[in-house]
Amino acid sequence: MGHDMIRLTGLRLSGRHGVFDFEKEDPQPFTVDAELELDLRGPGRSDDLNDTISYAHIADLIQEVVTRETYDLIEALAETLARAILLHDKRIHAVAVTVHKPQAPLTQTFDDVSVTIRRSRAHVKDLPALDEPRRQVSGVYEGELVDEAASAPSPVEEENEARLTTPTAQLGPYDRASLAELSPQAPAEHLRDPDLPAAFAVRCVLALGSNLGDSRAILASAVQALEAHESVVVVNVSPLASTAPVGGPANQRNYLNQVVEIETQLSPHDLLDVAQQIETDHNRVRRERWGPRTLDVDIVTYAGATIDSPRLQVPHPSAAERAFVLLPWSWMDPVALLNGRPVRELAREAPDFHEVRKLDDAAQEPEQ
């Protein structure tokens, strides 16, 4: 670490972190130490708070991560804290975070278990802050274009017919079920408030799908709409996948599917509103369940949080069983996890695994 430093030590918090179920059920004590390396010559001369980093803000940031997120490993918790602090302010050159777990489940007598992680700004170049220039994402990949001859036009509404936009929580050829129904014993306090904005930029995974109109162009346009939003940074985009329809009426065209990783500080519900507006802007219309659509934009994960509201369930309750989400996701991020399991393994177990092809691999396959 450098010569100038702000130290925050002994911050006592409660969290649910550990590999055992009981560790996620009852809050445990954690203590966090943070050392921030930065140049303090300016505030030393000016005696002005605006010229330095508020340790109160850092404490609030640490509390947000420790109390609202859940991790199996304190290594992962420390990593998240270090990156969050570095992203908090560009004036922070490096940070060391120590997470203490004094009640770790050991049979031996001990005083403490802790993990220390040191990270510099060079370690978080892959996590752009929201105020940095956005990456230009074209959404276009080498491979076969959708067969325009087989492309059905987008549905045109009758003059007096209202457009039926579908809440993302009810969209997709994979159905949704309430997390409370799936796990009725899950304590409500484990759920994230869907109206609470993130204290720092968090990672989210979105699933896109289309089988009406020029689906390739529609998905590229949807990615560009996400990129253009002032509160969203597109971090990564998967290759396109050609997938057979799952459920719904017969004789549908194959889908084009894509997975997008973003960063945002929007609340889950605000992100849902963004997704639904993009669907509406691309003429999303609901005429029958699991029917063809111009565009789906579904929230699959939000910062590893669990959300169950009338509008939104995260992680997406059926995504772990759908290869048309899992395979593109694994192509984009080979080490991605969902519910603690590698996404690539879940994809191989999904019933539609053999119905999903990378677009370049499906170049000779006609659209259905």
Protein backbone atom coordinates (compact mmCIF):
# COMPACT_ATOMS: atom_id res chain seq x y z
CA MET A 1 0.00 0.00 0.00
CA GLY A 2 1.10 3.63 -0.46
CA HIS A 3 2.08 6.30 2.03
CA ASP A 4 -1.31 8.08 2.19
CA MET A 5 -4.12 5.94 3.52
CA ILE A 6 -7.57 6.04 5.09
CA ARG A 7 -8.19 3.16 7.48
CA LEU A 8 -11.59 1.96 8.67
CA THR A 9 -11.17 -0.93 11.10
CA GLY A 10 -13.46 -3.03 13.23
CA LEU A 11 -16.73 -2.27 11.40
CA ARG A 12 -19.13 -4.73 13.05
CA LEU A 13 -22.00 -5.97 10.90
CA SER A 14 -24.38 -8.91 10.60
CA GLY A 15 -24.65 -11.01 7.46
CA ARG A 16 -25.63 -14.38 6.05
CA HIS A 17 -22.52 -15.76 4.42
CA GLY A 18 -21.31 -19.37 4.43
CA VAL A 19 -21.53 -22.67 2.63
CA PHE A 20 -23.98 -24.23 5.10
CA ASP A 21 -27.72 -23.63 5.02
CA PHE A 22 -27.85 -22.60 8.67
CA GLU A 23 -25.31 -19.85 7.96
CA LYS A 24 -27.74 -18.31 5.48
CA GLU A 25 -30.72 -18.61 7.82
CA ASP A 26 -29.51 -16.73 10.90
CA PRO A 27 -27.41 -13.55 10.80
CA GLN A 28 -23.83 -13.99 11.98
CA PRO A 29 -21.35 -11.36 13.16
CA PHE A 30 -18.75 -10.16 10.69
CA THR A 31 -16.09 -7.52 11.12
CA VAL A 32 -14.62 -5.62 8.18
CA ASP A 33 -11.39 -3.60 7.94
CA ALA A 34 -10.69 -1.41 4.92
CA GLU A 35 -7.51 0.43 3.97
CA LEU A 36 -7.85 2.94 1.12
CA GLU A 37 -4.71 4.19 -0.64
CA LEU A 38 -5.06 7.66 -2.16
CA ASP A 39 -3.31 11.01 -2.37
CA LEU A 40 -4.22 13.05 0.73
CA ARG A 41 -2.08 16.13 -0.02
CA GLY A 42 -5.08 18.05 -1.35
CA PRO A 43 -7.38 17.65 1.68
CA GLY A 44 -4.37 18.03 3.97
CA ARG A 45 -3.88 21.55 2.61
CA SER A 46 -7.51 22.55 2.01
CA ASP A 47 -9.17 21.01 5.08
CA ASP A 48 -12.17 20.42 2.77
CA LEU A 49 -14.22 17.19 2.91
CA ASN A 50 -14.88 17.42 -0.84
CA ASP A 51 -11.19 16.87 -1.49
CA THR A 52 -11.08 13.49 0.27
CA ILE A 53 -13.09 10.28 0.61
CA SER A 54 -15.82 10.22 3.24
CA TYR A 55 -15.21 7.24 5.53
CA ALA A 56 -18.91 7.43 6.41
CA HIS A 57 -19.79 6.75 2.78
CA ILE A 58 -17.33 3.85 2.69
CA ALA A 59 -18.89 2.42 5.86
CA ASP A 60 -22.36 2.70 4.30
CA LEU A 61 -21.10 0.95 1.16
CA ILE A 62 -19.58 -1.91 3.15
CA GLN A 63 -22.76 -2.28 5.19
CA GLU A 64 -24.85 -2.45 2.01
CA VAL A 65 -22.78 -5.32 0.61
CA VAL A 66 -22.42 -7.31 3.84
CA THR A 67 -26.04 -7.07 4.97
CA ARG A 68 -27.91 -7.30 1.67
CA GLU A 69 -25.91 -9.78 -0.40
CA THR A 70 -25.21 -13.47 0.33
CA TYR A 71 -22.01 -15.35 -0.44
CA ASP A 72 -20.76 -18.84 0.27
CA LEU A 73 -17.18 -17.68 0.78
CA ILE A 74 -15.82 -14.71 2.68
CA GLU A 75 -13.23 -14.59 -0.13
CA ALA A 76 -16.04 -13.64 -2.51
CA LEU A 77 -17.43 -11.13 -0.03
CA ALA A 78 -14.00 -9.50 0.35
CA GLU A 79 -13.52 -9.42 -3.43
CA THR A 80 -16.89 -7.72 -3.92
CA LEU A 81 -16.13 -5.19 -1.19
CA ALA A 82 -12.72 -4.36 -2.67
CA ARG A 83 -14.12 -3.82 -6.15
CA ALA A 84 -17.08 -1.83 -4.87
CA ILE A 85 -14.79 0.51 -2.94
CA LEU A 86 -12.50 1.03 -5.94
CA LEU A 87 -15.50 1.79 -8.13
CA HIS A 88 -16.86 4.20 -5.53
CA ASP A 89 -14.33 6.90 -6.38
CA LYS A 90 -11.57 7.11 -8.99
CA ARG A 91 -9.28 8.85 -6.51
CA ILE A 92 -8.82 5.55 -4.65
CA HIS A 93 -5.69 3.95 -6.12
CA ALA A 94 -5.81 0.67 -4.20
CA VAL A 95 -7.65 -0.97 -1.33
CA ALA A 96 -7.12 -3.77 1.16
CA VAL A 97 -10.20 -5.39 2.67
CA THR A 98 -10.17 -7.85 5.54
CA VAL A 99 -13.32 -9.80 6.39
CA HIS A 100 -13.36 -11.43 9.84
CA LYS A 101 -15.71 -14.32 10.61
CA PRO A 102 -15.31 -14.90 14.37
CA GLN A 103 -18.09 -17.50 14.50
CA ALA A 104 -16.89 -19.67 11.62
CA PRO A 105 -18.19 -23.26 11.94
CA LEU A 106 -15.01 -24.92 13.22
CA THR A 107 -14.81 -27.67 15.82
CA GLN A 108 -11.52 -26.33 17.20
CA THR A 109 -11.16 -23.46 19.64
CA PHE A 110 -10.07 -20.31 17.82
CA ASP A 111 -10.21 -16.53 18.07
CA ASP A 112 -10.92 -15.51 14.48
CA VAL A 113 -10.95 -16.49 10.83
CA SER A 114 -10.25 -13.76 8.30
CA VAL A 115 -9.47 -13.18 4.65
CA THR A 116 -7.55 -10.18 3.32
CA ILE A 117 -7.73 -9.13 -0.33
CA ARG A 118 -5.65 -6.34 -1.84
CA ARG A 119 -6.72 -4.86 -5.16
CA SER A 120 -5.49 -1.91 -7.21
CA ARG A 121 -7.39 0.01 -9.83
CA ALA A 122 -5.72 -2.14 -12.49
CA HIS A 123 -7.70 -5.12 -11.16
CA VAL A 124 -11.09 -3.54 -11.91
CA LYS A 125 -10.62 -2.45 -15.49
CA ASP A 126 -13.20 -5.11 -16.37
CA LEU A 127 -15.77 -3.35 -14.18
CA PRO A 128 -16.40 0.08 -15.74
CA ALA A 129 -18.00 2.65 -13.46
CA LEU A 130 -21.27 4.16 -14.61
CA ASP A 131 -19.72 7.56 -15.21
CA GLU A 132 -17.07 6.19 -17.56
CA PRO A 133 -17.63 6.16 -21.35
CA ARG A 134 -19.80 3.25 -22.38
CA ARG A 135 -18.40 0.51 -24.52
CA GLN A 136 -19.71 0.43 -28.06
CA VAL A 137 -21.53 -2.84 -28.60
CA SER A 138 -22.78 -3.61 -32.07
CA GLY A 139 -24.66 -6.78 -31.20
CA VAL A 140 -23.60 -8.21 -34.59
CA TYR A 141 -21.76 -11.51 -34.84
CA GLU A 142 -20.30 -13.44 -37.74
CA GLY A 143 -22.72 -16.03 -39.00
CA GLU A 144 -25.92 -16.58 -40.86
CA LEU A 145 -28.54 -13.88 -41.04
CA VAL A 146 -32.09 -14.87 -40.28
CA ASP A 147 -33.79 -16.11 -43.41
CA GLU A 148 -35.76 -13.04 -44.44
CA ALA A 149 -38.03 -15.11 -46.63
CA ALA A 150 -39.07 -17.10 -43.60
CA SER A 151 -39.38 -14.03 -41.37
CA ALA A 152 -42.93 -13.22 -40.48
CA PRO A 153 -43.77 -9.52 -40.20
CA SER A 154 -44.30 -8.03 -36.78
CA PRO A 155 -47.96 -8.15 -35.76
CA VAL A 156 -49.93 -5.04 -36.65
CA GLU A 157 -52.59 -4.02 -34.21
CA GLU A 158 -56.10 -3.42 -35.30
CA GLU A 159 -57.20 0.17 -35.16
CA ASN A 160 -59.21 -0.18 -31.96
CA GLU A 161 -57.11 -2.88 -30.32
CA ALA A 162 -54.93 -1.91 -27.37
CA ARG A 163 -51.36 -3.09 -27.34
CA LEU A 164 -50.88 -5.83 -24.77
CA THR A 165 -47.40 -5.48 -23.38
CA THR A 166 -46.43 -8.30 -21.07
CA PRO A 167 -44.64 -7.75 -17.76
CA THR A 168 -41.23 -9.34 -17.97
CA ALA A 169 -42.07 -11.43 -14.94
CA GLN A 170 -44.66 -13.25 -17.06
CA LEU A 171 -42.82 -13.45 -20.36
CA GLY A 172 -40.96 -16.08 -22.24
CA PRO A 173 -41.41 -19.62 -23.41
CA TYR A 174 -40.32 -20.61 -19.92
CA ASP A 175 -42.98 -20.00 -17.32
CA ARG A 176 -42.51 -18.24 -14.01
CA ALA A 177 -43.50 -19.40 -10.56
CA SER A 178 -43.32 -17.49 -7.33
CA LEU A 179 -40.18 -18.14 -5.32
CA ALA A 180 -42.38 -18.24 -2.26
CA GLU A 181 -44.26 -21.13 -3.85
CA LEU A 182 -41.06 -22.91 -4.77
CA SER A 183 -39.55 -22.45 -1.30
CA PRO A 184 -42.38 -21.73 1.14
CA GLN A 185 -39.99 -21.92 4.10
CA ALA A 186 -37.71 -19.22 2.72
CA PRO A 187 -37.62 -16.35 5.23
CA ALA A 188 -38.91 -13.11 3.78
CA GLU A 189 -35.94 -11.21 5.21
CA HIS A 190 -33.63 -12.99 2.76
CA LEU A 191 -35.32 -11.23 -0.15
CA ARG A 192 -33.94 -8.02 -1.61
CA ASP A 193 -36.18 -4.96 -1.71
CA PRO A 194 -36.96 -4.64 -5.46
CA ASP A 195 -37.42 -0.87 -5.16
CA LEU A 196 -34.04 -0.27 -3.52
CA PRO A 197 -31.35 1.12 -5.87
CA ALA A 198 -27.89 -0.39 -5.63
CA ALA A 199 -25.31 1.55 -3.64
CA PHE A 200 -22.77 0.81 -6.38
CA ALA A 201 -22.81 -0.62 -9.89
CA VAL A 202 -23.89 -4.27 -9.76
CA ARG A 203 -23.82 -7.00 -12.40
CA CYS A 204 -27.06 -8.32 -13.89
CA VAL A 205 -27.75 -10.91 -16.58
CA LEU A 206 -30.55 -10.39 -19.09
CA ALA A 207 -31.96 -12.91 -21.58
CA LEU A 208 -33.18 -11.69 -24.98
CA GLY A 209 -35.27 -13.63 -27.48
CA SER A 210 -37.12 -13.03 -30.76
CA ASN A 211 -38.86 -15.06 -33.46
CA LEU A 212 -40.90 -12.42 -35.30
CA GLY A 213 -39.63 -9.95 -37.86
CA ASP A 214 -35.92 -9.52 -38.53
CA SER A 215 -34.91 -11.15 -35.26
CA ARG A 216 -31.20 -10.59 -35.72
CA ALA A 217 -31.69 -6.85 -36.22
CA ILE A 218 -34.19 -6.70 -33.36
CA LEU A 219 -31.75 -8.26 -30.89
CA ALA A 220 -28.95 -5.96 -32.05
CA SER A 221 -31.28 -3.00 -31.61
CA ALA A 222 -32.28 -4.15 -28.12
CA VAL A 223 -28.61 -4.37 -27.07
CA GLN A 224 -28.02 -0.88 -28.45
CA ALA A 225 -31.06 0.40 -26.53
CA LEU A 226 -29.57 -0.99 -23.31
CA GLU A 227 -26.22 0.58 -24.17
CA ALA A 228 -27.87 3.94 -24.81
CA HIS A 229 -29.62 4.06 -21.43
CA GLU A 230 -27.93 6.53 -19.11
CA SER A 231 -28.01 4.17 -16.11
CA VAL A 232 -26.91 0.95 -17.86
CA VAL A 233 -23.48 -0.21 -19.00
CA VAL A 234 -23.38 -3.21 -21.32
CA VAL A 235 -20.38 -5.27 -20.17
CA ASN A 236 -20.65 -8.39 -22.29
CA VAL A 237 -22.86 -9.85 -25.03
CA SER A 238 -23.15 -13.51 -25.96
CA PRO A 239 -23.10 -14.94 -29.46
CA LEU A 240 -26.51 -15.49 -31.01
CA ALA A 241 -28.21 -18.85 -30.58
CA SER A 242 -30.73 -20.47 -32.88
CA THR A 243 -33.22 -22.35 -30.71
CA ALA A 244 -36.33 -24.43 -31.24
CA PRO A 245 -39.49 -23.06 -29.60
CA VAL A 246 -40.30 -24.43 -26.15
CA GLY A 247 -44.06 -24.67 -25.62
CA GLY A 248 -46.66 -22.52 -27.31
CA PRO A 249 -48.48 -23.00 -30.62
CA ALA A 250 -47.20 -25.29 -33.34
CA ASN A 251 -45.36 -24.18 -36.48
CA GLN A 252 -43.49 -21.28 -34.86
CA ARG A 253 -40.21 -20.10 -36.32
CA ASN A 254 -37.05 -20.89 -34.44
CA TYR A 255 -35.97 -18.28 -31.95
CA LEU A 256 -32.83 -16.23 -31.89
CA ASN A 257 -31.64 -15.90 -28.31
CA GLN A 258 -28.90 -13.89 -26.70
CA VAL A 259 -27.65 -13.16 -23.18
CA VAL A 260 -26.36 -9.77 -22.08
CA GLU A 261 -24.41 -8.85 -18.95
CA ILE A 262 -24.84 -5.31 -17.69
CA GLU A 263 -23.89 -3.08 -14.80
CA THR A 264 -26.38 -0.71 -13.22
CA GLN A 265 -27.34 1.03 -10.03
CA LEU A 266 -31.03 0.92 -10.95
CA SER A 267 -33.32 -0.89 -8.55
CA PRO A 268 -34.62 -4.28 -9.79
CA HIS A 269 -38.05 -2.79 -10.52
CA ASP A 270 -36.53 0.19 -12.34
CA LEU A 271 -34.44 -2.19 -14.43
CA LEU A 272 -37.61 -4.15 -15.15
CA ASP A 273 -39.25 -0.92 -16.36
CA VAL A 274 -36.32 -0.34 -18.71
CA ALA A 275 -36.62 -3.89 -20.07
CA GLN A 276 -40.36 -3.54 -20.62
CA GLN A 277 -39.96 -0.19 -22.36
CA ILE A 278 -37.44 -1.71 -24.76
CA GLU A 279 -39.92 -4.52 -25.46
CA THR A 280 -42.67 -1.97 -26.11
CA ASP A 281 -40.40 0.05 -28.39
CA HIS A 282 -39.88 -3.11 -30.44
CA ASN A 283 -43.61 -3.78 -30.82
CA ARG A 284 -43.86 -6.51 -28.22
CA VAL A 285 -47.45 -7.77 -28.30
CA ARG A 286 -48.99 -10.62 -26.33
CA ARG A 287 -51.75 -12.51 -28.18
CA GLU A 288 -51.40 -16.00 -26.79
CA ARG A 289 -49.37 -17.73 -24.13
CA TRP A 290 -45.87 -18.66 -25.32
CA GLY A 291 -46.78 -17.38 -28.73
CA PRO A 292 -44.33 -15.79 -31.18
CA ARG A 293 -42.94 -12.42 -30.19
CA THR A 294 -40.76 -9.67 -31.59
CA LEU A 295 -38.76 -9.35 -28.40
CA ASP A 296 -38.36 -10.70 -24.86
CA VAL A 297 -36.07 -8.99 -22.37
CA ASP A 298 -35.99 -11.02 -19.15
CA ILE A 299 -33.98 -10.36 -15.99
CA VAL A 300 -32.21 -13.61 -15.10
CA THR A 301 -30.01 -12.43 -12.22
CA TYR A 302 -29.54 -9.22 -10.27
CA ALA A 303 -26.28 -9.02 -8.27
CA GLY A 304 -26.77 -12.52 -6.91
CA ALA A 305 -29.87 -11.35 -5.04
CA THR A 306 -33.16 -13.16 -4.48
CA ILE A 307 -36.23 -11.12 -5.40
CA ASP A 308 -39.89 -12.13 -5.19
CA SER A 309 -42.45 -9.47 -5.97
CA PRO A 310 -45.74 -9.53 -7.91
CA ARG A 311 -43.80 -8.11 -10.87
CA LEU A 312 -40.46 -9.85 -10.73
CA GLN A 313 -38.81 -13.07 -9.55
CA VAL A 314 -35.01 -13.33 -9.57
CA PRO A 315 -33.14 -15.54 -10.20
CA HIS A 316 -35.50 -16.43 -13.00
CA PRO A 317 -37.25 -19.55 -11.64
CA SER A 318 -36.95 -21.57 -14.86
CA ALA A 319 -33.70 -20.27 -16.32
CA ALA A 320 -31.69 -23.10 -14.72
CA GLU A 321 -33.62 -25.57 -16.89
CA ARG A 322 -33.50 -23.74 -20.23
CA ALA A 323 -30.49 -24.29 -22.47
CA PHE A 324 -31.52 -21.40 -24.73
CA VAL A 325 -30.56 -19.13 -21.81
CA LEU A 326 -27.77 -21.22 -20.27
CA LEU A 327 -25.76 -22.03 -23.39
CA PRO A 328 -25.40 -18.44 -24.71
CA TRP A 329 -24.62 -17.38 -21.15
CA SER A 330 -21.87 -20.02 -20.88
CA TRP A 331 -20.41 -18.97 -24.25
CA MET A 332 -20.23 -15.41 -22.96
CA ASP A 333 -18.92 -16.33 -19.50
CA PRO A 334 -17.54 -19.88 -19.20
CA VAL A 335 -17.19 -19.61 -15.40
CA ALA A 336 -20.64 -18.16 -14.70
CA LEU A 337 -22.63 -19.60 -11.79
CA LEU A 338 -26.38 -19.81 -11.23
CA ASN A 339 -27.69 -20.92 -7.86
CA GLY A 340 -24.15 -21.98 -6.98
CA ARG A 341 -23.72 -24.29 -9.98
CA PRO A 342 -21.73 -23.75 -13.19
CA VAL A 343 -24.01 -22.50 -15.93
CA ARG A 344 -22.27 -24.73 -18.48
CA GLU A 345 -23.16 -27.82 -16.42
CA LEU A 346 -26.78 -26.74 -16.03
CA ALA A 347 -26.95 -26.26 -19.79
CA ARG A 348 -25.87 -29.84 -20.46
CA GLU A 349 -28.60 -31.10 -18.13
CA ALA A 350 -31.36 -28.98 -19.68
CA PRO A 351 -33.95 -30.91 -21.74
CA ASP A 352 -33.53 -28.58 -24.73
CA PHE A 353 -29.73 -28.80 -24.79
CA HIS A 354 -29.63 -30.44 -28.23
CA GLU A 355 -32.09 -27.91 -29.68
CA VAL A 356 -29.74 -24.95 -29.26
CA ARG A 357 -27.05 -24.06 -31.78
CA LYS A 358 -24.59 -21.20 -32.05
CA LEU A 359 -25.61 -19.15 -35.04
CA ASP A 360 -22.48 -19.95 -37.02
CA ASP A 361 -22.99 -23.67 -36.23
CA ALA A 362 -26.60 -23.44 -37.45
CA ALA A 363 -25.74 -21.74 -40.70
CA GLN A 364 -27.12 -24.55 -42.86
CA GLU A 365 -30.27 -25.03 -40.84
CA PRO A 366 -33.42 -23.47 -42.32
CA GLU A 367 -35.64 -21.48 -40.00
CA GLN A 368 -38.69 -23.45 -38.93
